[in-house]
Amino acid sequence: MKNNTTPVIHHLPITKARVNLGQVAKRVHLNKEYFILEKDGIPIIGIMGAEELEDYLEVRDRKVREHIRKSNAERLAGKGRPIAAFLSEIAAEKKTRRTA
């Protein structure tokens, strides 16, 4: 999820979150809001959307980070190509497979 808006982060006591869990989950999912749950005023856990969490966990994977590093190095070395050329190539491959 990439956007240029400032994330909305709410601090909420765990007891209040428990009572309103459905509403909290809905706001996280639909509005992309974040919640920090606190116990006795101390931040304990954070709540974020599942897709964003999966992205976060994926980027923490050493193999994924290495792939990103290599990809960036190739792009900087000029090994990329315009998206239009790439999409044309894919379309041609699909057409070839259908006729084969």
Protein backbone atom coordinates (compact mmCIF):
# COMPACT_ATOMS: atom_id res chain seq x y z
CA MET A 1 0.00 0.00 0.00
CA LYS A 2 1.62 3.18 -1.14
CA ASN A 3 -0.12 6.47 -0.80
CA ASN A 4 0.93 9.96 0.09
CA THR A 5 -1.53 10.53 2.91
CA THR A 6 -0.42 10.64 6.52
CA PRO A 7 -1.50 7.45 8.29
CA VAL A 8 -4.18 7.80 10.94
CA ILE A 9 -2.96 6.27 14.19
CA HIS A 10 -5.27 5.91 17.17
CA HIS A 11 -4.28 5.02 20.73
CA LEU A 12 -6.89 2.96 22.53
CA PRO A 13 -7.07 1.10 25.84
CA ILE A 14 -7.25 -2.67 25.32
CA THR A 15 -10.49 -2.85 27.31
CA LYS A 16 -12.18 -0.33 24.99
CA ALA A 17 -10.83 -2.12 21.91
CA ARG A 18 -12.23 -5.43 23.17
CA VAL A 19 -15.72 -3.96 23.47
CA ASN A 20 -15.46 -2.32 20.01
CA LEU A 21 -13.37 -4.94 18.20
CA GLY A 22 -15.72 -5.23 15.22
CA GLN A 23 -15.70 -1.48 14.66
CA VAL A 24 -11.91 -1.29 15.09
CA ALA A 25 -11.42 -4.11 12.55
CA LYS A 26 -13.77 -2.42 10.08
CA ARG A 27 -11.93 0.91 10.33
CA VAL A 28 -8.57 -0.80 9.85
CA HIS A 29 -9.82 -2.69 6.82
CA LEU A 30 -11.86 0.03 5.10
CA ASN A 31 -10.08 3.23 6.12
CA LYS A 32 -6.52 1.87 6.41
CA GLU A 33 -6.29 3.24 9.96
CA TYR A 34 -3.89 1.95 12.61
CA PHE A 35 -4.58 1.31 16.28
CA ILE A 36 -2.09 1.14 19.13
CA LEU A 37 -3.64 -0.76 22.02
CA GLU A 38 -2.50 0.26 25.48
CA LYS A 39 -2.63 -1.33 28.92
CA ASP A 40 -2.36 1.14 31.77
CA GLY A 41 -1.22 3.78 29.27
CA ILE A 42 1.64 1.61 27.98
CA PRO A 43 1.59 0.71 24.24
CA ILE A 44 1.33 -3.09 23.99
CA ILE A 45 0.35 -4.02 20.42
CA GLY A 46 -0.54 -2.45 17.10
CA ILE A 47 -3.31 -3.35 14.68
CA MET A 48 -2.89 -2.99 10.91
CA GLY A 49 -4.57 -4.51 7.87
CA ALA A 50 -3.72 -8.11 6.96
CA GLU A 51 -2.42 -7.29 3.46
CA GLU A 52 -0.07 -4.65 4.81
CA LEU A 53 1.15 -7.03 7.51
CA GLU A 54 1.85 -9.71 4.88
CA ASP A 55 3.83 -7.17 2.83
CA TYR A 56 5.77 -6.14 5.94
CA LEU A 57 6.61 -9.73 6.83
CA GLU A 58 7.60 -10.53 3.25
CA VAL A 59 10.08 -7.66 3.09
CA ARG A 60 11.66 -8.88 6.33
CA ASP A 61 12.55 -12.16 4.56
CA ARG A 62 16.28 -12.17 3.70
CA LYS A 63 15.68 -13.80 0.29
CA VAL A 64 13.10 -11.19 -0.65
CA ARG A 65 15.39 -8.34 0.40
CA GLU A 66 18.19 -9.82 -1.73
CA HIS A 67 15.86 -10.10 -4.71
CA ILE A 68 14.83 -6.45 -4.27
CA ARG A 69 18.49 -5.41 -4.02
CA LYS A 70 19.39 -7.27 -7.24
CA SER A 71 16.36 -5.87 -9.03
CA ASN A 72 17.26 -2.31 -8.04
CA ALA A 73 20.87 -2.85 -9.16
CA GLU A 74 19.67 -4.11 -12.56
CA ARG A 75 17.34 -1.13 -12.95
CA LEU A 76 20.13 1.30 -12.10
CA ALA A 77 22.38 -0.47 -14.62
CA GLY A 78 19.80 0.19 -17.35
CA LYS A 79 18.70 -3.40 -17.76
CA GLY A 80 15.01 -2.48 -17.64
CA ARG A 81 12.68 -1.92 -20.57
CA PRO A 82 9.54 0.12 -21.15
CA ILE A 83 6.34 -1.43 -19.80
CA ALA A 84 4.68 -1.22 -23.23
CA ALA A 85 7.37 -3.50 -24.71
CA PHE A 86 7.00 -5.96 -21.84
CA LEU A 87 3.20 -6.09 -22.17
CA SER A 88 3.47 -6.58 -25.94
CA GLU A 89 5.83 -9.49 -25.36
CA ILE A 90 3.41 -11.11 -22.92
CA ALA A 91 0.49 -10.64 -25.31
CA ALA A 92 2.49 -12.25 -28.13
CA GLU A 93 3.39 -15.21 -25.93
CA LYS A 94 -0.28 -15.72 -24.99
CA LYS A 95 -1.27 -15.60 -28.66
CA THR A 96 1.44 -18.14 -29.53
CA ARG A 97 0.24 -20.51 -26.79
CA ARG A 98 -3.39 -20.30 -27.96
CA THR A 99 -2.50 -21.20 -31.54
CA ALA A 100 -0.14 -24.01 -30.55
